[in-house]
Amino acid sequence: MNHSAFSIDSLESRRQHFKKTVSSVSNSISQVCDHTIDQAVILGSGLSGLSLTGFETIAKISYLDIKGLPKSTAPSHKGKLELVSNGSTTIALCSGRQHLYEGYSAQEVCILIYALSTLGTRSLFVTNAAGALNPEYCPGDVMLIDDHINFTGHNPLIGQDEQFGITFPDMSQAYNKSLSHHAKAAANRKSITLHCGVYMGVTGPSLETSAERRMFRTLGADAVGMSTVLEVIAANHTAMNVLGLSAITNLALGDENQKPDTIEEVLAHAATAGAKIKCILEGVLGA
């Protein structure tokens, strides 16, 4: 047996399967909305239910009804895509995401991002719940993601050809400076304290040990979570502009005062930060 030929055939088969899956997701969405989707928002843990002043709902679809899209099983992730418009801009509000810890591959985590790119989306706004590694942060705060560290050991570009983008996209400016400027201005107008920092992406689902948290801080991270980094890689791969906002839900300092975290507290603090994130997004979306 020619193992090299077998490997090439297997790789091409996986590539074609991924492309067909992205196409199926795109087709399912386009069946309920024939508008170009200009912008998209990924709403993380405790952040679902975003409504935007001046925008009306034009379509809704459950993730379960989007052929090819993996089911979102994380707590508080509704698994729903809502399309809203103000007449000139159409936005996809994606309540829920897929995670590595649910058992999905890096490409499966990013299928929706690739599908949105084929539907015209040029700006992606990612939100998440994150633990504070920076001692100056408090639960309920919001952090603008300046940059990230992908500590998952995974990358959605592995094995792809160049149908969706170049093989080696630059990631030195993964988060768009203009969008970040607008976010800072929106926070300032609403008197919202907006931290700026580095997000550390890990696989989960177990929370980090105290030693890991201290290490992440030493490496330069300000907050840690189990999502976002793969989506941002995929978005940059498709030449989207990206804005990232983290809802700080718990202290993750890893010091002698570290207390166990509970999902109830995380979701409560996510709701507090979520109200602030809504104000910031309203000042940026549609601009």
C-alpha atoms as a PDB file:
ATOM      1  CA  MET A   1       0.000   0.000   0.000  1.00  0.00           C
ATOM      2  CA  ASN A   2       1.190   3.503  -0.845  1.00  0.00           C
ATOM      3  CA  HIS A   3       0.737   5.183   2.539  1.00  0.00           C
ATOM      4  CA  SER A   4       1.686   8.602   1.128  1.00  0.00           C
ATOM      5  CA  ALA A   5      -1.093   8.423  -1.483  1.00  0.00           C
ATOM      6  CA  PHE A   6      -3.540   7.246   1.176  1.00  0.00           C
ATOM      7  CA  SER A   7      -2.658  10.233   3.400  1.00  0.00           C
ATOM      8  CA  ILE A   8      -3.109  12.717   0.548  1.00  0.00           C
ATOM      9  CA  ASP A   9      -6.470  11.195  -0.402  1.00  0.00           C
ATOM     10  CA  SER A  10      -7.577  11.255   3.221  1.00  0.00           C
ATOM     11  CA  LEU A  11      -6.545  14.915   3.626  1.00  0.00           C
ATOM     12  CA  GLU A  12      -8.387  15.934   0.453  1.00  0.00           C
ATOM     13  CA  SER A  13     -11.459  14.032   1.624  1.00  0.00           C
ATOM     14  CA  ARG A  14     -11.435  15.928   4.931  1.00  0.00           C
ATOM     15  CA  ARG A  15     -11.005  19.227   3.097  1.00  0.00           C
ATOM     16  CA  GLN A  16     -13.957  18.541   0.828  1.00  0.00           C
ATOM     17  CA  HIS A  17     -16.087  17.477   3.794  1.00  0.00           C
ATOM     18  CA  PHE A  18     -15.306  20.710   5.634  1.00  0.00           C
ATOM     19  CA  LYS A  19     -16.118  22.827   2.568  1.00  0.00           C
ATOM     20  CA  LYS A  20     -19.439  21.012   2.072  1.00  0.00           C
ATOM     21  CA  THR A  21     -20.300  21.484   5.745  1.00  0.00           C
ATOM     22  CA  VAL A  22     -19.580  25.230   5.597  1.00  0.00           C
ATOM     23  CA  SER A  23     -21.712  25.426   2.448  1.00  0.00           C
ATOM     24  CA  SER A  24     -24.581  23.600   4.181  1.00  0.00           C
ATOM     25  CA  VAL A  25     -24.462  26.036   7.109  1.00  0.00           C
ATOM     26  CA  SER A  26     -24.399  29.007   4.723  1.00  0.00           C
ATOM     27  CA  ASN A  27     -27.348  27.645   2.746  1.00  0.00           C
ATOM     28  CA  SER A  28     -29.421  27.071   5.883  1.00  0.00           C
ATOM     29  CA  ILE A  29     -28.894  30.675   6.982  1.00  0.00           C
ATOM     30  CA  SER A  30     -29.509  32.153   3.519  1.00  0.00           C
ATOM     31  CA  GLN A  31     -32.838  30.325   3.334  1.00  0.00           C
ATOM     32  CA  VAL A  32     -34.203  32.464   6.179  1.00  0.00           C
ATOM     33  CA  CYS A  33     -32.439  35.691   5.192  1.00  0.00           C
ATOM     34  CA  ASP A  34     -31.404  36.814   1.718  1.00  0.00           C
ATOM     35  CA  HIS A  35     -29.618  39.933   3.023  1.00  0.00           C
ATOM     36  CA  THR A  36     -25.847  40.291   3.040  1.00  0.00           C
ATOM     37  CA  ILE A  37     -24.807  39.815   6.666  1.00  0.00           C
ATOM     38  CA  ASP A  38     -22.491  42.764   7.254  1.00  0.00           C
ATOM     39  CA  GLN A  39     -21.486  42.119  10.861  1.00  0.00           C
ATOM     40  CA  ALA A  40     -21.743  39.268  13.364  1.00  0.00           C
ATOM     41  CA  VAL A  41     -21.636  39.043  17.143  1.00  0.00           C
ATOM     42  CA  ILE A  42     -20.716  35.863  19.029  1.00  0.00           C
ATOM     43  CA  LEU A  43     -22.413  36.001  22.416  1.00  0.00           C
ATOM     44  CA  GLY A  44     -20.653  33.948  25.075  1.00  0.00           C
ATOM     45  CA  SER A  45     -21.624  32.504  28.471  1.00  0.00           C
ATOM     46  CA  GLY A  46     -24.236  34.619  30.240  1.00  0.00           C
ATOM     47  CA  LEU A  47     -24.283  37.163  27.408  1.00  0.00           C
ATOM     48  CA  SER A  48     -27.184  35.892  25.294  1.00  0.00           C
ATOM     49  CA  GLY A  49     -30.253  38.030  24.772  1.00  0.00           C
ATOM     50  CA  LEU A  50     -28.530  41.093  23.301  1.00  0.00           C
ATOM     51  CA  SER A  51     -30.944  43.587  21.755  1.00  0.00           C
ATOM     52  CA  LEU A  52     -29.811  46.626  19.791  1.00  0.00           C
ATOM     53  CA  THR A  53     -31.612  49.960  19.757  1.00  0.00           C
ATOM     54  CA  GLY A  54     -32.752  50.884  16.262  1.00  0.00           C
ATOM     55  CA  PHE A  55     -32.510  47.345  14.892  1.00  0.00           C
ATOM     56  CA  GLU A  56     -35.464  45.086  14.095  1.00  0.00           C
ATOM     57  CA  THR A  57     -35.439  41.300  13.924  1.00  0.00           C
ATOM     58  CA  ILE A  58     -35.825  40.035  10.357  1.00  0.00           C
ATOM     59  CA  ALA A  59     -35.202  36.319  10.965  1.00  0.00           C
ATOM     60  CA  LYS A  60     -34.443  33.765  13.655  1.00  0.00           C
ATOM     61  CA  ILE A  61     -33.128  30.240  13.356  1.00  0.00           C
ATOM     62  CA  SER A  62     -32.151  27.654  15.951  1.00  0.00           C
ATOM     63  CA  TYR A  63     -28.682  26.169  15.657  1.00  0.00           C
ATOM     64  CA  LEU A  64     -30.455  22.798  15.572  1.00  0.00           C
ATOM     65  CA  ASP A  65     -32.086  23.830  12.288  1.00  0.00           C
ATOM     66  CA  ILE A  66     -28.801  24.899  10.671  1.00  0.00           C
ATOM     67  CA  LYS A  67     -27.653  21.845   8.734  1.00  0.00           C
ATOM     68  CA  GLY A  68     -24.039  21.009   9.498  1.00  0.00           C
ATOM     69  CA  LEU A  69     -23.636  23.284  12.521  1.00  0.00           C
ATOM     70  CA  PRO A  70     -22.553  21.408  15.660  1.00  0.00           C
ATOM     71  CA  LYS A  71     -24.912  21.625  18.612  1.00  0.00           C
ATOM     72  CA  SER A  72     -24.008  24.164  21.309  1.00  0.00           C
ATOM     73  CA  THR A  73     -24.154  22.392  24.689  1.00  0.00           C
ATOM     74  CA  ALA A  74     -22.420  24.875  27.024  1.00  0.00           C
ATOM     75  CA  PRO A  75     -24.417  26.267  29.987  1.00  0.00           C
ATOM     76  CA  SER A  76     -26.473  29.401  29.143  1.00  0.00           C
ATOM     77  CA  HIS A  77     -25.704  29.117  25.426  1.00  0.00           C
ATOM     78  CA  LYS A  78     -29.110  29.334  23.756  1.00  0.00           C
ATOM     79  CA  GLY A  79     -27.979  28.018  20.389  1.00  0.00           C
ATOM     80  CA  LYS A  80     -29.874  30.572  18.315  1.00  0.00           C
ATOM     81  CA  LEU A  81     -28.999  32.896  15.455  1.00  0.00           C
ATOM     82  CA  GLU A  82     -31.001  36.114  15.191  1.00  0.00           C
ATOM     83  CA  LEU A  83     -30.662  38.437  12.203  1.00  0.00           C
ATOM     84  CA  VAL A  84     -31.411  42.102  12.830  1.00  0.00           C
ATOM     85  CA  SER A  85     -31.328  45.141  10.552  1.00  0.00           C
ATOM     86  CA  ASN A  86     -31.665  48.914  10.737  1.00  0.00           C
ATOM     87  CA  GLY A  87     -32.330  49.202   7.025  1.00  0.00           C
ATOM     88  CA  SER A  88     -28.736  49.701   5.997  1.00  0.00           C
ATOM     89  CA  THR A  89     -26.801  47.169   8.074  1.00  0.00           C
ATOM     90  CA  THR A  90     -27.665  43.536   8.799  1.00  0.00           C
ATOM     91  CA  ILE A  91     -26.153  41.895  11.865  1.00  0.00           C
ATOM     92  CA  ALA A  92     -26.112  38.254  12.970  1.00  0.00           C
ATOM     93  CA  LEU A  93     -26.502  37.854  16.730  1.00  0.00           C
ATOM     94  CA  CYS A  94     -25.151  34.386  17.497  1.00  0.00           C
ATOM     95  CA  SER A  95     -26.294  33.268  20.955  1.00  0.00           C
ATOM     96  CA  GLY A  96     -23.896  30.484  21.770  1.00  0.00           C
ATOM     97  CA  ARG A  97     -20.770  28.936  20.309  1.00  0.00           C
ATOM     98  CA  GLN A  98     -18.982  25.613  20.071  1.00  0.00           C
ATOM     99  CA  HIS A  99     -15.981  24.761  22.248  1.00  0.00           C
ATOM    100  CA  LEU A 100     -13.118  22.296  22.135  1.00  0.00           C
ATOM    101  CA  TYR A 101     -14.190  20.988  25.540  1.00  0.00           C
ATOM    102  CA  GLU A 102     -17.509  19.852  24.078  1.00  0.00           C
ATOM    103  CA  GLY A 103     -15.536  17.372  22.000  1.00  0.00           C
ATOM    104  CA  TYR A 104     -15.444  19.379  18.771  1.00  0.00           C
ATOM    105  CA  SER A 105     -12.409  19.871  16.543  1.00  0.00           C
ATOM    106  CA  ALA A 106     -10.898  23.299  15.919  1.00  0.00           C
ATOM    107  CA  GLN A 107     -12.558  23.445  12.491  1.00  0.00           C
ATOM    108  CA  GLU A 108     -15.942  22.446  13.923  1.00  0.00           C
ATOM    109  CA  VAL A 109     -15.618  25.238  16.486  1.00  0.00           C
ATOM    110  CA  CYS A 110     -15.160  27.698  13.603  1.00  0.00           C
ATOM    111  CA  ILE A 111     -17.690  26.441  11.048  1.00  0.00           C
ATOM    112  CA  LEU A 112     -20.088  29.324  11.745  1.00  0.00           C
ATOM    113  CA  ILE A 113     -17.312  31.901  11.264  1.00  0.00           C
ATOM    114  CA  TYR A 114     -16.436  30.480   7.851  1.00  0.00           C
ATOM    115  CA  ALA A 115     -20.103  30.284   6.854  1.00  0.00           C
ATOM    116  CA  LEU A 116     -20.676  33.915   7.824  1.00  0.00           C
ATOM    117  CA  SER A 117     -17.663  34.957   5.770  1.00  0.00           C
ATOM    118  CA  THR A 118     -19.256  33.392   2.679  1.00  0.00           C
ATOM    119  CA  LEU A 119     -22.436  35.379   3.405  1.00  0.00           C
ATOM    120  CA  GLY A 120     -20.594  38.697   3.283  1.00  0.00           C
ATOM    121  CA  THR A 121     -19.627  39.268   6.924  1.00  0.00           C
ATOM    122  CA  ARG A 122     -16.616  41.562   7.170  1.00  0.00           C
ATOM    123  CA  SER A 123     -16.630  42.430  10.886  1.00  0.00           C
ATOM    124  CA  LEU A 124     -16.794  39.981  13.789  1.00  0.00           C
ATOM    125  CA  PHE A 125     -17.458  40.953  17.402  1.00  0.00           C
ATOM    126  CA  VAL A 126     -16.572  38.207  19.884  1.00  0.00           C
ATOM    127  CA  THR A 127     -17.592  38.220  23.537  1.00  0.00           C
ATOM    128  CA  ASN A 128     -16.765  35.738  26.246  1.00  0.00           C
ATOM    129  CA  ALA A 129     -16.731  35.095  29.965  1.00  0.00           C
ATOM    130  CA  ALA A 130     -13.209  35.139  31.400  1.00  0.00           C
ATOM    131  CA  GLY A 131     -11.366  34.865  34.687  1.00  0.00           C
ATOM    132  CA  ALA A 132      -9.214  37.779  35.836  1.00  0.00           C
ATOM    133  CA  LEU A 133      -5.490  37.051  35.956  1.00  0.00           C
ATOM    134  CA  ASN A 134      -4.769  40.748  36.396  1.00  0.00           C
ATOM    135  CA  PRO A 135      -5.227  41.752  40.070  1.00  0.00           C
ATOM    136  CA  GLU A 136      -6.528  45.171  38.998  1.00  0.00           C
ATOM    137  CA  TYR A 137      -9.644  43.585  37.463  1.00  0.00           C
ATOM    138  CA  CYS A 138     -12.834  42.798  39.395  1.00  0.00           C
ATOM    139  CA  PRO A 139     -15.761  40.472  38.603  1.00  0.00           C
ATOM    140  CA  GLY A 140     -18.321  42.410  36.582  1.00  0.00           C
ATOM    141  CA  ASP A 141     -15.655  44.432  34.735  1.00  0.00           C
ATOM    142  CA  VAL A 142     -15.131  44.410  30.973  1.00  0.00           C
ATOM    143  CA  MET A 143     -11.825  43.894  29.165  1.00  0.00           C
ATOM    144  CA  LEU A 144     -11.163  44.947  25.583  1.00  0.00           C
ATOM    145  CA  ILE A 145      -8.993  42.238  24.042  1.00  0.00           C
ATOM    146  CA  ASP A 146      -5.804  43.829  22.732  1.00  0.00           C
ATOM    147  CA  ASP A 147      -4.251  40.513  21.792  1.00  0.00           C
ATOM    148  CA  HIS A 148      -4.461  36.862  22.695  1.00  0.00           C
ATOM    149  CA  ILE A 149      -2.332  33.811  23.454  1.00  0.00           C
ATOM    150  CA  ASN A 150      -3.573  30.567  21.925  1.00  0.00           C
ATOM    151  CA  PHE A 151      -2.710  27.996  24.604  1.00  0.00           C
ATOM    152  CA  THR A 152      -5.128  25.364  23.290  1.00  0.00           C
ATOM    153  CA  GLY A 153      -2.650  23.530  21.079  1.00  0.00           C
ATOM    154  CA  HIS A 154      -5.201  23.657  18.243  1.00  0.00           C
ATOM    155  CA  ASN A 155      -5.601  25.737  15.091  1.00  0.00           C
ATOM    156  CA  PRO A 156      -8.527  25.665  12.607  1.00  0.00           C
ATOM    157  CA  LEU A 157      -6.211  26.325   9.641  1.00  0.00           C
ATOM    158  CA  ILE A 158      -4.385  22.996   9.961  1.00  0.00           C
ATOM    159  CA  GLY A 159      -5.070  20.854   6.907  1.00  0.00           C
ATOM    160  CA  GLN A 160      -6.931  23.534   4.954  1.00  0.00           C
ATOM    161  CA  ASP A 161      -6.176  24.688   1.437  1.00  0.00           C
ATOM    162  CA  GLU A 162      -6.633  28.323   0.400  1.00  0.00           C
ATOM    163  CA  GLN A 163     -10.354  28.354  -0.425  1.00  0.00           C
ATOM    164  CA  PHE A 164     -11.204  30.551   2.575  1.00  0.00           C
ATOM    165  CA  GLY A 165      -7.942  32.462   2.877  1.00  0.00           C
ATOM    166  CA  ILE A 166      -4.180  32.298   2.658  1.00  0.00           C
ATOM    167  CA  THR A 167      -2.333  29.510   4.450  1.00  0.00           C
ATOM    168  CA  PHE A 168      -0.215  31.782   6.633  1.00  0.00           C
ATOM    169  CA  PRO A 169      -2.333  34.792   7.674  1.00  0.00           C
ATOM    170  CA  ASP A 170      -0.579  37.421   9.773  1.00  0.00           C
ATOM    171  CA  MET A 171      -1.824  37.529  13.356  1.00  0.00           C
ATOM    172  CA  SER A 172       0.330  40.378  14.703  1.00  0.00           C
ATOM    173  CA  GLN A 173      -2.735  42.655  14.664  1.00  0.00           C
ATOM    174  CA  ALA A 174      -5.502  40.126  15.160  1.00  0.00           C
ATOM    175  CA  TYR A 175      -7.839  42.717  16.720  1.00  0.00           C
ATOM    176  CA  ASN A 176      -8.777  45.719  14.603  1.00  0.00           C
ATOM    177  CA  LYS A 177      -7.421  49.006  15.934  1.00  0.00           C
ATOM    178  CA  SER A 178     -10.214  51.131  14.476  1.00  0.00           C
ATOM    179  CA  LEU A 179     -12.936  48.987  16.066  1.00  0.00           C
ATOM    180  CA  SER A 180     -11.035  49.059  19.357  1.00  0.00           C
ATOM    181  CA  HIS A 181     -10.885  52.855  19.170  1.00  0.00           C
ATOM    182  CA  HIS A 182     -14.667  53.012  18.654  1.00  0.00           C
ATOM    183  CA  ALA A 183     -15.204  50.639  21.588  1.00  0.00           C
ATOM    184  CA  LYS A 184     -13.071  52.792  23.889  1.00  0.00           C
ATOM    185  CA  ALA A 185     -14.984  55.899  22.800  1.00  0.00           C
ATOM    186  CA  ALA A 186     -18.333  54.187  23.385  1.00  0.00           C
ATOM    187  CA  ALA A 187     -17.253  53.064  26.871  1.00  0.00           C
ATOM    188  CA  ASN A 188     -16.057  56.577  27.671  1.00  0.00           C
ATOM    189  CA  ARG A 189     -19.391  58.104  26.594  1.00  0.00           C
ATOM    190  CA  LYS A 190     -21.207  55.727  28.956  1.00  0.00           C
ATOM    191  CA  SER A 191     -18.669  56.180  31.805  1.00  0.00           C
ATOM    192  CA  ILE A 192     -17.829  52.466  31.661  1.00  0.00           C
ATOM    193  CA  THR A 193     -14.409  51.373  32.870  1.00  0.00           C
ATOM    194  CA  LEU A 194     -12.887  49.391  30.012  1.00  0.00           C
ATOM    195  CA  HIS A 195      -9.677  47.508  30.709  1.00  0.00           C
ATOM    196  CA  CYS A 196      -7.377  46.602  27.822  1.00  0.00           C
ATOM    197  CA  GLY A 197      -5.469  43.362  28.003  1.00  0.00           C
ATOM    198  CA  VAL A 198      -4.364  40.003  26.666  1.00  0.00           C
ATOM    199  CA  TYR A 199      -6.729  37.020  26.607  1.00  0.00           C
ATOM    200  CA  MET A 200      -5.353  33.534  27.239  1.00  0.00           C
ATOM    201  CA  GLY A 201      -7.304  30.793  25.451  1.00  0.00           C
ATOM    202  CA  VAL A 202      -7.285  27.309  27.011  1.00  0.00           C
ATOM    203  CA  THR A 203      -9.212  24.118  26.236  1.00  0.00           C
ATOM    204  CA  GLY A 204     -11.077  23.452  29.489  1.00  0.00           C
ATOM    205  CA  PRO A 205     -13.453  22.213  30.698  1.00  0.00           C
ATOM    206  CA  SER A 206     -11.622  21.918  34.012  1.00  0.00           C
ATOM    207  CA  LEU A 207     -10.729  25.312  35.409  1.00  0.00           C
ATOM    208  CA  GLU A 208      -7.074  26.229  35.687  1.00  0.00           C
ATOM    209  CA  THR A 209      -4.938  25.210  38.649  1.00  0.00           C
ATOM    210  CA  SER A 210      -3.539  28.019  40.773  1.00  0.00           C
ATOM    211  CA  ALA A 211      -0.052  27.288  39.417  1.00  0.00           C
ATOM    212  CA  GLU A 212      -1.345  27.524  35.847  1.00  0.00           C
ATOM    213  CA  ARG A 213      -2.986  30.859  36.591  1.00  0.00           C
ATOM    214  CA  ARG A 214       0.234  32.264  38.007  1.00  0.00           C
ATOM    215  CA  MET A 215       2.104  30.979  34.944  1.00  0.00           C
ATOM    216  CA  PHE A 216      -0.402  32.575  32.547  1.00  0.00           C
ATOM    217  CA  ARG A 217       0.027  35.904  34.312  1.00  0.00           C
ATOM    218  CA  THR A 218       3.796  35.592  34.047  1.00  0.00           C
ATOM    219  CA  LEU A 219       3.403  34.925  30.316  1.00  0.00           C
ATOM    220  CA  GLY A 220       1.628  38.266  29.951  1.00  0.00           C
ATOM    221  CA  ALA A 221      -2.069  37.363  30.012  1.00  0.00           C
ATOM    222  CA  ASP A 222      -4.675  39.471  31.820  1.00  0.00           C
ATOM    223  CA  ALA A 223      -7.684  37.142  31.520  1.00  0.00           C
ATOM    224  CA  VAL A 224      -8.262  33.469  30.775  1.00  0.00           C
ATOM    225  CA  GLY A 225     -11.110  31.599  29.117  1.00  0.00           C
ATOM    226  CA  MET A 226     -12.068  28.557  27.062  1.00  0.00           C
ATOM    227  CA  SER A 227     -13.104  30.108  23.762  1.00  0.00           C
ATOM    228  CA  THR A 228     -12.518  32.937  21.274  1.00  0.00           C
ATOM    229  CA  VAL A 229      -8.944  32.369  20.083  1.00  0.00           C
ATOM    230  CA  LEU A 230      -9.843  29.819  17.400  1.00  0.00           C
ATOM    231  CA  GLU A 231     -12.717  31.974  16.145  1.00  0.00           C
ATOM    232  CA  VAL A 232     -10.414  34.980  15.894  1.00  0.00           C
ATOM    233  CA  ILE A 233      -7.860  32.952  13.941  1.00  0.00           C
ATOM    234  CA  ALA A 234     -10.599  31.869  11.519  1.00  0.00           C
ATOM    235  CA  ALA A 235     -11.892  35.435  11.223  1.00  0.00           C
ATOM    236  CA  ASN A 236      -8.435  36.745  10.373  1.00  0.00           C
ATOM    237  CA  HIS A 237      -8.035  33.873   7.929  1.00  0.00           C
ATOM    238  CA  THR A 238     -11.087  35.198   6.047  1.00  0.00           C
ATOM    239  CA  ALA A 239      -9.897  38.839   6.332  1.00  0.00           C
ATOM    240  CA  MET A 240     -12.573  39.935   8.818  1.00  0.00           C
ATOM    241  CA  ASN A 241     -12.067  42.869  11.166  1.00  0.00           C
ATOM    242  CA  VAL A 242     -12.305  41.665  14.761  1.00  0.00           C
ATOM    243  CA  LEU A 243     -13.292  43.246  18.081  1.00  0.00           C
ATOM    244  CA  GLY A 244     -13.086  41.220  21.293  1.00  0.00           C
ATOM    245  CA  LEU A 245     -14.695  41.927  24.666  1.00  0.00           C
ATOM    246  CA  SER A 246     -14.368  39.792  27.795  1.00  0.00           C
ATOM    247  CA  ALA A 247     -16.850  39.794  30.654  1.00  0.00           C
ATOM    248  CA  ILE A 248     -14.733  39.346  33.773  1.00  0.00           C
ATOM    249  CA  THR A 249     -16.635  36.780  35.830  1.00  0.00           C
ATOM    250  CA  ASN A 250     -14.240  35.639  38.542  1.00  0.00           C
ATOM    251  CA  LEU A 251     -10.833  36.226  40.086  1.00  0.00           C
ATOM    252  CA  ALA A 252      -8.249  33.769  38.793  1.00  0.00           C
ATOM    253  CA  LEU A 253      -5.137  35.076  40.507  1.00  0.00           C
ATOM    254  CA  GLY A 254      -3.911  31.715  41.776  1.00  0.00           C
ATOM    255  CA  ASP A 255      -2.647  33.241  45.020  1.00  0.00           C
ATOM    256  CA  GLU A 256      -3.101  32.150  48.627  1.00  0.00           C
ATOM    257  CA  ASN A 257      -6.531  33.819  48.698  1.00  0.00           C
ATOM    258  CA  GLN A 258      -7.858  31.926  45.671  1.00  0.00           C
ATOM    259  CA  LYS A 259     -11.397  30.654  46.262  1.00  0.00           C
ATOM    260  CA  PRO A 260     -13.251  27.955  44.314  1.00  0.00           C
ATOM    261  CA  ASP A 261     -15.417  29.272  41.476  1.00  0.00           C
ATOM    262  CA  THR A 262     -19.074  28.355  40.964  1.00  0.00           C
ATOM    263  CA  ILE A 263     -21.026  28.508  37.720  1.00  0.00           C
ATOM    264  CA  GLU A 264     -23.752  30.486  39.506  1.00  0.00           C
ATOM    265  CA  GLU A 265     -21.322  33.270  40.436  1.00  0.00           C
ATOM    266  CA  VAL A 266     -19.754  33.232  36.985  1.00  0.00           C
ATOM    267  CA  LEU A 267     -23.120  33.699  35.270  1.00  0.00           C
ATOM    268  CA  ALA A 268     -24.188  36.428  37.728  1.00  0.00           C
ATOM    269  CA  HIS A 269     -21.024  38.438  37.076  1.00  0.00           C
ATOM    270  CA  ALA A 270     -21.366  37.759  33.336  1.00  0.00           C
ATOM    271  CA  ALA A 271     -24.798  39.385  33.442  1.00  0.00           C
ATOM    272  CA  THR A 272     -23.366  42.466  35.204  1.00  0.00           C
ATOM    273  CA  ALA A 273     -20.566  42.795  32.663  1.00  0.00           C
ATOM    274  CA  GLY A 274     -22.969  41.895  29.870  1.00  0.00           C
ATOM    275  CA  ALA A 275     -25.028  45.032  30.458  1.00  0.00           C
ATOM    276  CA  LYS A 276     -21.857  47.086  30.000  1.00  0.00           C
ATOM    277  CA  ILE A 277     -20.871  45.137  26.896  1.00  0.00           C
ATOM    278  CA  LYS A 278     -24.305  45.830  25.401  1.00  0.00           C
ATOM    279  CA  CYS A 279     -23.741  49.577  25.820  1.00  0.00           C
ATOM    280  CA  ILE A 280     -20.322  49.340  24.206  1.00  0.00           C
ATOM    281  CA  LEU A 281     -21.538  47.234  21.282  1.00  0.00           C
ATOM    282  CA  GLU A 282     -24.396  49.605  20.597  1.00  0.00           C
ATOM    283  CA  GLY A 283     -21.810  52.328  20.106  1.00  0.00           C
ATOM    284  CA  VAL A 284     -19.837  50.236  17.623  1.00  0.00           C
ATOM    285  CA  LEU A 285     -22.246  48.007  15.715  1.00  0.00           C
ATOM    286  CA  GLY A 286     -23.602  49.382  12.500  1.00  0.00           C
ATOM    287  CA  ALA A 287     -20.951  52.103  12.435  1.00  0.00           C
END
